[in-house]
Full PDB file with SEQRES, HELIX, SHEET, SSBOND, CRYST1, ORIGX, SCALE, CONECT and MASTER records, all heavy atoms in Angstrom:
SEQRES   1 A   30  ASN GLY TYR SER THR ASN VAL ILE ARG PRO LEU ALA LEU          
SEQRES   2 A   30  HIS GLN PHE ARG SER ASN GLY LYS GLU VAL PRO ARG VAL          
SEQRES   3 A   30  ASN ILE PRO GLU                                              
HELIX    1 AA1 PRO A   10  SER A   18  1                                   9    
SHEET    1 AA1 2 SER A   4  THR A   5  0                                        
SHEET    2 AA1 2 ILE A  28  PRO A  29 -1                                        
CRYST1    1.000    1.000    1.000  90.00  90.00  90.00 P 1           1          
ORIGX1      1.000000  0.000000  0.000000        0.00000                         
ORIGX2      0.000000  1.000000  0.000000        0.00000                         
ORIGX3      0.000000  0.000000  1.000000        0.00000                         
SCALE1      1.000000  0.000000  0.000000        0.00000                         
SCALE2      0.000000  1.000000  0.000000        0.00000                         
SCALE3      0.000000  0.000000  1.000000        0.00000                         
ATOM      1  N   ASN A   1     -32.311  17.794  -3.394  1.00  0.00           N  
ATOM      2  CA  ASN A   1     -32.094  17.251  -4.721  1.00  0.00           C  
ATOM      3  C   ASN A   1     -33.200  17.595  -5.693  1.00  0.00           C  
ATOM      4  O   ASN A   1     -33.214  17.084  -6.819  1.00  0.00           O  
ATOM      5  CB  ASN A   1     -31.956  15.721  -4.624  1.00  0.00           C  
ATOM      6  CG  ASN A   1     -30.761  15.307  -3.814  1.00  0.00           C  
ATOM      7  OD1 ASN A   1     -29.791  16.019  -3.728  1.00  0.00           O  
ATOM      8  ND2 ASN A   1     -30.866  14.142  -3.168  1.00  0.00           N  
ATOM      9  N   GLY A   2     -34.123  18.421  -5.302  1.00  0.00           N  
ATOM     10  CA  GLY A   2     -35.212  18.828  -6.181  1.00  0.00           C  
ATOM     11  C   GLY A   2     -36.311  17.780  -6.292  1.00  0.00           C  
ATOM     12  O   GLY A   2     -36.277  16.764  -5.613  1.00  0.00           O  
ATOM     13  N   TYR A   3     -37.260  18.029  -7.170  1.00  0.00           N  
ATOM     14  CA  TYR A   3     -38.380  17.107  -7.378  1.00  0.00           C  
ATOM     15  C   TYR A   3     -37.911  15.992  -8.294  1.00  0.00           C  
ATOM     16  O   TYR A   3     -38.150  15.983  -9.484  1.00  0.00           O  
ATOM     17  CB  TYR A   3     -39.559  17.874  -7.978  1.00  0.00           C  
ATOM     18  CG  TYR A   3     -40.844  17.126  -7.965  1.00  0.00           C  
ATOM     19  CD1 TYR A   3     -41.531  16.945  -6.774  1.00  0.00           C  
ATOM     20  CD2 TYR A   3     -41.372  16.550  -9.095  1.00  0.00           C  
ATOM     21  CE1 TYR A   3     -42.718  16.245  -6.734  1.00  0.00           C  
ATOM     22  CE2 TYR A   3     -42.541  15.848  -9.075  1.00  0.00           C  
ATOM     23  CZ  TYR A   3     -43.211  15.692  -7.885  1.00  0.00           C  
ATOM     24  OH  TYR A   3     -44.392  14.988  -7.830  1.00  0.00           O  
ATOM     25  N   SER A   4     -37.175  15.054  -7.675  1.00  0.00           N  
ATOM     26  CA  SER A   4     -36.567  13.979  -8.476  1.00  0.00           C  
ATOM     27  C   SER A   4     -36.697  12.648  -7.782  1.00  0.00           C  
ATOM     28  O   SER A   4     -37.074  12.571  -6.598  1.00  0.00           O  
ATOM     29  CB  SER A   4     -35.075  14.272  -8.686  1.00  0.00           C  
ATOM     30  OG  SER A   4     -34.410  14.324  -7.441  1.00  0.00           O  
ATOM     31  N   THR A   5     -36.418  11.611  -8.523  1.00  0.00           N  
ATOM     32  CA  THR A   5     -36.488  10.235  -7.999  1.00  0.00           C  
ATOM     33  C   THR A   5     -35.223   9.488  -8.405  1.00  0.00           C  
ATOM     34  O   THR A   5     -34.463   9.958  -9.256  1.00  0.00           O  
ATOM     35  CB  THR A   5     -37.738   9.530  -8.562  1.00  0.00           C  
ATOM     36  OG1 THR A   5     -37.829   8.223  -7.988  1.00  0.00           O  
ATOM     37  CG2 THR A   5     -37.748   9.417 -10.055  1.00  0.00           C  
ATOM     38  N   ASN A   6     -35.030   8.333  -7.824  1.00  0.00           N  
ATOM     39  CA  ASN A   6     -33.907   7.492  -8.214  1.00  0.00           C  
ATOM     40  C   ASN A   6     -34.376   6.286  -9.007  1.00  0.00           C  
ATOM     41  O   ASN A   6     -33.580   5.419  -9.376  1.00  0.00           O  
ATOM     42  CB  ASN A   6     -33.138   7.033  -6.959  1.00  0.00           C  
ATOM     43  CG  ASN A   6     -32.527   8.193  -6.232  1.00  0.00           C  
ATOM     44  OD1 ASN A   6     -32.182   9.200  -6.858  1.00  0.00           O  
ATOM     45  ND2 ASN A   6     -32.379   8.091  -4.927  1.00  0.00           N  
ATOM     46  N   VAL A   7     -35.673   6.205  -9.251  1.00  0.00           N  
ATOM     47  CA  VAL A   7     -36.265   5.116 -10.010  1.00  0.00           C  
ATOM     48  C   VAL A   7     -36.867   5.705 -11.282  1.00  0.00           C  
ATOM     49  O   VAL A   7     -37.664   6.612 -11.257  1.00  0.00           O  
ATOM     50  CB  VAL A   7     -37.386   4.425  -9.186  1.00  0.00           C  
ATOM     51  CG1 VAL A   7     -38.035   3.315  -9.988  1.00  0.00           C  
ATOM     52  CG2 VAL A   7     -36.831   3.893  -7.862  1.00  0.00           C  
ATOM     53  N   ILE A   8     -36.460   5.141 -12.430  1.00  0.00           N  
ATOM     54  CA  ILE A   8     -36.980   5.659 -13.690  1.00  0.00           C  
ATOM     55  C   ILE A   8     -38.117   4.770 -14.173  1.00  0.00           C  
ATOM     56  O   ILE A   8     -38.023   3.546 -14.126  1.00  0.00           O  
ATOM     57  CB  ILE A   8     -35.852   5.801 -14.734  1.00  0.00           C  
ATOM     58  CG1 ILE A   8     -36.381   6.582 -15.950  1.00  0.00           C  
ATOM     59  CG2 ILE A   8     -35.302   4.450 -15.147  1.00  0.00           C  
ATOM     60  CD1 ILE A   8     -35.318   7.157 -16.802  1.00  0.00           C  
ATOM     61  N   ARG A   9     -39.166   5.395 -14.630  1.00  0.00           N  
ATOM     62  CA  ARG A   9     -40.308   4.684 -15.172  1.00  0.00           C  
ATOM     63  C   ARG A   9     -40.117   4.560 -16.694  1.00  0.00           C  
ATOM     64  O   ARG A   9     -39.455   5.380 -17.304  1.00  0.00           O  
ATOM     65  CB  ARG A   9     -41.588   5.446 -14.874  1.00  0.00           C  
ATOM     66  CG  ARG A   9     -41.914   5.504 -13.448  1.00  0.00           C  
ATOM     67  CD  ARG A   9     -43.180   6.350 -13.248  1.00  0.00           C  
ATOM     68  NE  ARG A   9     -43.616   6.262 -11.889  1.00  0.00           N  
ATOM     69  CZ  ARG A   9     -44.369   5.278 -11.405  1.00  0.00           C  
ATOM     70  NH1 ARG A   9     -44.775   4.314 -12.183  1.00  0.00           N  
ATOM     71  NH2 ARG A   9     -44.726   5.273 -10.150  1.00  0.00           N  
ATOM     72  N   PRO A  10     -40.734   3.562 -17.300  1.00  0.00           N  
ATOM     73  CA  PRO A  10     -40.633   3.424 -18.750  1.00  0.00           C  
ATOM     74  C   PRO A  10     -41.144   4.672 -19.504  1.00  0.00           C  
ATOM     75  O   PRO A  10     -40.541   5.073 -20.517  1.00  0.00           O  
ATOM     76  CB  PRO A  10     -41.494   2.205 -19.069  1.00  0.00           C  
ATOM     77  CG  PRO A  10     -41.468   1.399 -17.806  1.00  0.00           C  
ATOM     78  CD  PRO A  10     -41.407   2.410 -16.700  1.00  0.00           C  
ATOM     79  N   LEU A  11     -42.203   5.304 -18.994  1.00  0.00           N  
ATOM     80  CA  LEU A  11     -42.720   6.506 -19.653  1.00  0.00           C  
ATOM     81  C   LEU A  11     -41.697   7.650 -19.577  1.00  0.00           C  
ATOM     82  O   LEU A  11     -41.494   8.358 -20.573  1.00  0.00           O  
ATOM     83  CB  LEU A  11     -44.032   6.950 -19.010  1.00  0.00           C  
ATOM     84  CG  LEU A  11     -44.660   8.229 -19.581  1.00  0.00           C  
ATOM     85  CD1 LEU A  11     -44.946   8.069 -21.070  1.00  0.00           C  
ATOM     86  CD2 LEU A  11     -45.872   8.626 -18.824  1.00  0.00           C  
ATOM     87  N   ALA A  12     -41.046   7.820 -18.426  1.00  0.00           N  
ATOM     88  CA  ALA A  12     -40.017   8.858 -18.323  1.00  0.00           C  
ATOM     89  C   ALA A  12     -38.844   8.569 -19.254  1.00  0.00           C  
ATOM     90  O   ALA A  12     -38.294   9.488 -19.872  1.00  0.00           O  
ATOM     91  CB  ALA A  12     -39.540   8.976 -16.872  1.00  0.00           C  
ATOM     92  N   LEU A  13     -38.466   7.318 -19.325  1.00  0.00           N  
ATOM     93  CA  LEU A  13     -37.378   6.929 -20.236  1.00  0.00           C  
ATOM     94  C   LEU A  13     -37.773   7.271 -21.696  1.00  0.00           C  
ATOM     95  O   LEU A  13     -36.962   7.831 -22.441  1.00  0.00           O  
ATOM     96  CB  LEU A  13     -37.122   5.427 -20.118  1.00  0.00           C  
ATOM     97  CG  LEU A  13     -35.958   4.844 -20.892  1.00  0.00           C  
ATOM     98  CD1 LEU A  13     -34.644   5.458 -20.421  1.00  0.00           C  
ATOM     99  CD2 LEU A  13     -35.930   3.328 -20.715  1.00  0.00           C  
ATOM    100  N   HIS A  14     -38.993   6.971 -22.067  1.00  0.00           N  
ATOM    101  CA  HIS A  14     -39.495   7.303 -23.399  1.00  0.00           C  
ATOM    102  C   HIS A  14     -39.509   8.817 -23.611  1.00  0.00           C  
ATOM    103  O   HIS A  14     -39.127   9.303 -24.698  1.00  0.00           O  
ATOM    104  CB  HIS A  14     -40.894   6.735 -23.594  1.00  0.00           C  
ATOM    105  CG  HIS A  14     -41.554   7.200 -24.860  1.00  0.00           C  
ATOM    106  ND1 HIS A  14     -41.130   6.783 -26.110  1.00  0.00           N  
ATOM    107  CD2 HIS A  14     -42.575   8.061 -25.070  1.00  0.00           C  
ATOM    108  CE1 HIS A  14     -41.892   7.356 -27.041  1.00  0.00           C  
ATOM    109  NE2 HIS A  14     -42.763   8.138 -26.422  1.00  0.00           N  
ATOM    110  N   GLN A  15     -39.918   9.596 -22.604  1.00  0.00           N  
ATOM    111  CA  GLN A  15     -39.929  11.069 -22.729  1.00  0.00           C  
ATOM    112  C   GLN A  15     -38.522  11.622 -22.955  1.00  0.00           C  
ATOM    113  O   GLN A  15     -38.347  12.493 -23.803  1.00  0.00           O  
ATOM    114  CB  GLN A  15     -40.530  11.693 -21.469  1.00  0.00           C  
ATOM    115  CG  GLN A  15     -42.021  11.508 -21.359  1.00  0.00           C  
ATOM    116  CD  GLN A  15     -42.577  11.978 -20.027  1.00  0.00           C  
ATOM    117  OE1 GLN A  15     -41.869  12.019 -19.027  1.00  0.00           O  
ATOM    118  NE2 GLN A  15     -43.823  12.356 -20.020  1.00  0.00           N  
ATOM    119  N   PHE A  16     -37.555  11.097 -22.229  1.00  0.00           N  
ATOM    120  CA  PHE A  16     -36.172  11.562 -22.427  1.00  0.00           C  
ATOM    121  C   PHE A  16     -35.691  11.236 -23.829  1.00  0.00           C  
ATOM    122  O   PHE A  16     -35.128  12.094 -24.517  1.00  0.00           O  
ATOM    123  CB  PHE A  16     -35.218  10.922 -21.408  1.00  0.00           C  
ATOM    124  CG  PHE A  16     -35.211  11.604 -20.077  1.00  0.00           C  
ATOM    125  CD1 PHE A  16     -35.699  10.950 -18.947  1.00  0.00           C  
ATOM    126  CD2 PHE A  16     -34.687  12.870 -19.935  1.00  0.00           C  
ATOM    127  CE1 PHE A  16     -35.699  11.590 -17.735  1.00  0.00           C  
ATOM    128  CE2 PHE A  16     -34.663  13.511 -18.717  1.00  0.00           C  
ATOM    129  CZ  PHE A  16     -35.177  12.851 -17.597  1.00  0.00           C  
ATOM    130  N   ARG A  17     -35.895   9.994 -24.246  1.00  0.00           N  
ATOM    131  CA  ARG A  17     -35.374   9.574 -25.568  1.00  0.00           C  
ATOM    132  C   ARG A  17     -36.101  10.266 -26.715  1.00  0.00           C  
ATOM    133  O   ARG A  17     -35.502  10.595 -27.721  1.00  0.00           O  
ATOM    134  CB  ARG A  17     -35.501   8.056 -25.686  1.00  0.00           C  
ATOM    135  CG  ARG A  17     -34.485   7.368 -24.786  1.00  0.00           C  
ATOM    136  CD  ARG A  17     -34.497   5.890 -24.960  1.00  0.00           C  
ATOM    137  NE  ARG A  17     -33.468   5.275 -24.090  1.00  0.00           N  
ATOM    138  CZ  ARG A  17     -33.476   4.023 -23.753  1.00  0.00           C  
ATOM    139  NH1 ARG A  17     -34.412   3.200 -24.201  1.00  0.00           N  
ATOM    140  NH2 ARG A  17     -32.528   3.526 -22.992  1.00  0.00           N  
ATOM    141  N   SER A  18     -37.421  10.463 -26.586  1.00  0.00           N  
ATOM    142  CA  SER A  18     -38.158  11.098 -27.683  1.00  0.00           C  
ATOM    143  C   SER A  18     -37.829  12.582 -27.827  1.00  0.00           C  
ATOM    144  O   SER A  18     -38.017  13.164 -28.909  1.00  0.00           O  
ATOM    145  CB  SER A  18     -39.662  10.914 -27.504  1.00  0.00           C  
ATOM    146  OG  SER A  18     -40.091  11.613 -26.356  1.00  0.00           O  
ATOM    147  N   ASN A  19     -37.316  13.200 -26.767  1.00  0.00           N  
ATOM    148  CA  ASN A  19     -36.899  14.602 -26.829  1.00  0.00           C  
ATOM    149  C   ASN A  19     -35.412  14.756 -27.075  1.00  0.00           C  
ATOM    150  O   ASN A  19     -34.893  15.857 -27.027  1.00  0.00           O  
ATOM    151  CB  ASN A  19     -37.282  15.322 -25.555  1.00  0.00           C  
ATOM    152  CG  ASN A  19     -38.780  15.517 -25.440  1.00  0.00           C  
ATOM    153  OD1 ASN A  19     -39.434  15.877 -26.423  1.00  0.00           O  
ATOM    154  ND2 ASN A  19     -39.328  15.254 -24.289  1.00  0.00           N  
ATOM    155  N   GLY A  20     -34.728  13.637 -27.343  1.00  0.00           N  
ATOM    156  CA  GLY A  20     -33.311  13.685 -27.681  1.00  0.00           C  
ATOM    157  C   GLY A  20     -32.415  14.042 -26.503  1.00  0.00           C  
ATOM    158  O   GLY A  20     -31.316  14.558 -26.716  1.00  0.00           O  
ATOM    159  N   LYS A  21     -32.858  13.770 -25.292  1.00  0.00           N  
ATOM    160  CA  LYS A  21     -32.046  14.088 -24.114  1.00  0.00           C  
ATOM    161  C   LYS A  21     -31.446  12.838 -23.525  1.00  0.00           C  
ATOM    162  O   LYS A  21     -31.967  11.759 -23.653  1.00  0.00           O  
ATOM    163  CB  LYS A  21     -32.914  14.789 -23.057  1.00  0.00           C  
ATOM    164  CG  LYS A  21     -33.436  16.127 -23.552  1.00  0.00           C  
ATOM    165  CD  LYS A  21     -34.066  16.888 -22.440  1.00  0.00           C  
ATOM    166  CE  LYS A  21     -34.502  18.243 -22.977  1.00  0.00           C  
ATOM    167  NZ  LYS A  21     -34.969  19.114 -21.952  1.00  0.00           N  
ATOM    168  N   GLU A  22     -30.328  13.014 -22.863  1.00  0.00           N  
ATOM    169  CA  GLU A  22     -29.655  11.918 -22.208  1.00  0.00           C  
ATOM    170  C   GLU A  22     -30.347  11.603 -20.876  1.00  0.00           C  
ATOM    171  O   GLU A  22     -30.746  12.502 -20.153  1.00  0.00           O  
ATOM    172  CB  GLU A  22     -28.190  12.277 -21.942  1.00  0.00           C  
ATOM    173  CG  GLU A  22     -27.374  11.130 -21.395  1.00  0.00           C  
ATOM    174  CD  GLU A  22     -25.921  11.489 -21.249  1.00  0.00           C  
ATOM    175  OE1 GLU A  22     -25.403  12.288 -22.058  1.00  0.00           O  
ATOM    176  OE2 GLU A  22     -25.314  11.018 -20.268  1.00  0.00           O  
ATOM    177  N   VAL A  23     -30.490  10.312 -20.596  1.00  0.00           N  
ATOM    178  CA  VAL A  23     -31.156   9.903 -19.385  1.00  0.00           C  
ATOM    179  C   VAL A  23     -30.175  10.065 -18.207  1.00  0.00           C  
ATOM    180  O   VAL A  23     -29.091   9.461 -18.215  1.00  0.00           O  
ATOM    181  CB  VAL A  23     -31.617   8.412 -19.477  1.00  0.00           C  
ATOM    182  CG1 VAL A  23     -32.278   7.981 -18.195  1.00  0.00           C  
ATOM    183  CG2 VAL A  23     -32.532   8.240 -20.665  1.00  0.00           C  
ATOM    184  N   PRO A  24     -30.543  10.852 -17.177  1.00  0.00           N  
ATOM    185  CA  PRO A  24     -29.653  11.023 -16.039  1.00  0.00           C  
ATOM    186  C   PRO A  24     -29.552   9.745 -15.217  1.00  0.00           C  
ATOM    187  O   PRO A  24     -30.485   8.948 -15.161  1.00  0.00           O  
ATOM    188  CB  PRO A  24     -30.283  12.148 -15.241  1.00  0.00           C  
ATOM    189  CG  PRO A  24     -31.655  12.305 -15.741  1.00  0.00           C  
ATOM    190  CD  PRO A  24     -31.739  11.655 -17.069  1.00  0.00           C  
ATOM    191  N   ARG A  25     -28.412   9.523 -14.619  1.00  0.00           N  
ATOM    192  CA  ARG A  25     -28.175   8.316 -13.799  1.00  0.00           C  
ATOM    193  C   ARG A  25     -28.755   8.470 -12.376  1.00  0.00           C  
ATOM    194  O   ARG A  25     -29.164   7.507 -11.783  1.00  0.00           O  
ATOM    195  CB  ARG A  25     -26.708   8.019 -13.712  1.00  0.00           C  
ATOM    196  CG  ARG A  25     -26.091   7.756 -15.052  1.00  0.00           C  
ATOM    197  CD  ARG A  25     -25.652   6.312 -15.149  1.00  0.00           C  
ATOM    198  NE  ARG A  25     -25.072   6.087 -16.444  1.00  0.00           N  
ATOM    199  CZ  ARG A  25     -25.473   5.090 -17.218  1.00  0.00           C  
ATOM    200  NH1 ARG A  25     -26.403   4.295 -16.836  1.00  0.00           N  
ATOM    201  NH2 ARG A  25     -24.894   4.923 -18.393  1.00  0.00           N  
ATOM    202  N   VAL A  26     -28.707   9.685 -11.840  1.00  0.00           N  
ATOM    203  CA  VAL A  26     -29.276   9.958 -10.518  1.00  0.00           C  
ATOM    204  C   VAL A  26     -30.121  11.217 -10.610  1.00  0.00           C  
ATOM    205  O   VAL A  26     -30.017  11.991 -11.553  1.00  0.00           O  
ATOM    206  CB  VAL A  26     -28.157  10.157  -9.454  1.00  0.00           C  
ATOM    207  CG1 VAL A  26     -27.399   8.893  -9.184  1.00  0.00           C  
ATOM    208  CG2 VAL A  26     -27.210  11.269  -9.865  1.00  0.00           C  
ATOM    209  N   ASN A  27     -30.985  11.401  -9.610  1.00  0.00           N  
ATOM    210  CA  ASN A  27     -31.888  12.572  -9.536  1.00  0.00           C  
ATOM    211  C   ASN A  27     -32.679  12.746 -10.823  1.00  0.00           C  
ATOM    212  O   ASN A  27     -32.659  13.804 -11.458  1.00  0.00           O  
ATOM    213  CB  ASN A  27     -31.126  13.832  -9.185  1.00  0.00           C  
ATOM    214  CG  ASN A  27     -30.477  13.771  -7.818  1.00  0.00           C  
ATOM    215  OD1 ASN A  27     -30.963  13.037  -6.959  1.00  0.00           O  
ATOM    216  ND2 ASN A  27     -29.421  14.492  -7.620  1.00  0.00           N  
ATOM    217  N   ILE A  28     -33.372  11.697 -11.225  1.00  0.00           N  
ATOM    218  CA  ILE A  28     -34.186  11.713 -12.414  1.00  0.00           C  
ATOM    219  C   ILE A  28     -35.435  12.542 -12.149  1.00  0.00           C  
ATOM    220  O   ILE A  28     -36.117  12.328 -11.139  1.00  0.00           O  
ATOM    221  CB  ILE A  28     -34.572  10.268 -12.786  1.00  0.00           C  
ATOM    222  CG1 ILE A  28     -33.325   9.434 -12.991  1.00  0.00           C  
ATOM    223  CG2 ILE A  28     -35.474  10.244 -14.001  1.00  0.00           C  
ATOM    224  CD1 ILE A  28     -33.520   7.964 -12.802  1.00  0.00           C  
ATOM    225  N   PRO A  29     -35.750  13.533 -12.972  1.00  0.00           N  
ATOM    226  CA  PRO A  29     -36.933  14.361 -12.740  1.00  0.00           C  
ATOM    227  C   PRO A  29     -38.200  13.481 -12.669  1.00  0.00           C  
ATOM    228  O   PRO A  29     -38.421  12.620 -13.513  1.00  0.00           O  
ATOM    229  CB  PRO A  29     -36.978  15.278 -13.945  1.00  0.00           C  
ATOM    230  CG  PRO A  29     -35.590  15.316 -14.457  1.00  0.00           C  
ATOM    231  CD  PRO A  29     -35.005  13.967 -14.153  1.00  0.00           C  
ATOM    232  N   GLU A  30     -39.005  13.723 -11.655  1.00  0.00           N  
ATOM    233  CA  GLU A  30     -40.241  12.959 -11.453  1.00  0.00           C  
ATOM    234  C   GLU A  30     -41.342  13.523 -12.359  1.00  0.00           C  
ATOM    235  O   GLU A  30     -41.608  14.713 -12.323  1.00  0.00           O  
ATOM    236  CB  GLU A  30     -40.673  13.040  -9.998  1.00  0.00           C  
ATOM    237  CG  GLU A  30     -41.976  12.381  -9.679  1.00  0.00           C  
ATOM    238  CD  GLU A  30     -41.987  10.897  -9.986  1.00  0.00           C  
ATOM    239  OE1 GLU A  30     -41.096  10.178  -9.525  1.00  0.00           O  
ATOM    240  OE2 GLU A  30     -42.895  10.446 -10.696  1.00  0.00           O  
TER     241      GLU A  30                                                      
MASTER        0    0    0    1    2    0    0    6  240    1    0    3          
END                                                                             
């Protein structure tokens, strides 16, 4: 599944949103 996690951190959530990307539901990049 690559270098990914199933738990999203607030900082990763902020990174996705600030770059205009959709937050994945599974295999979230670590």
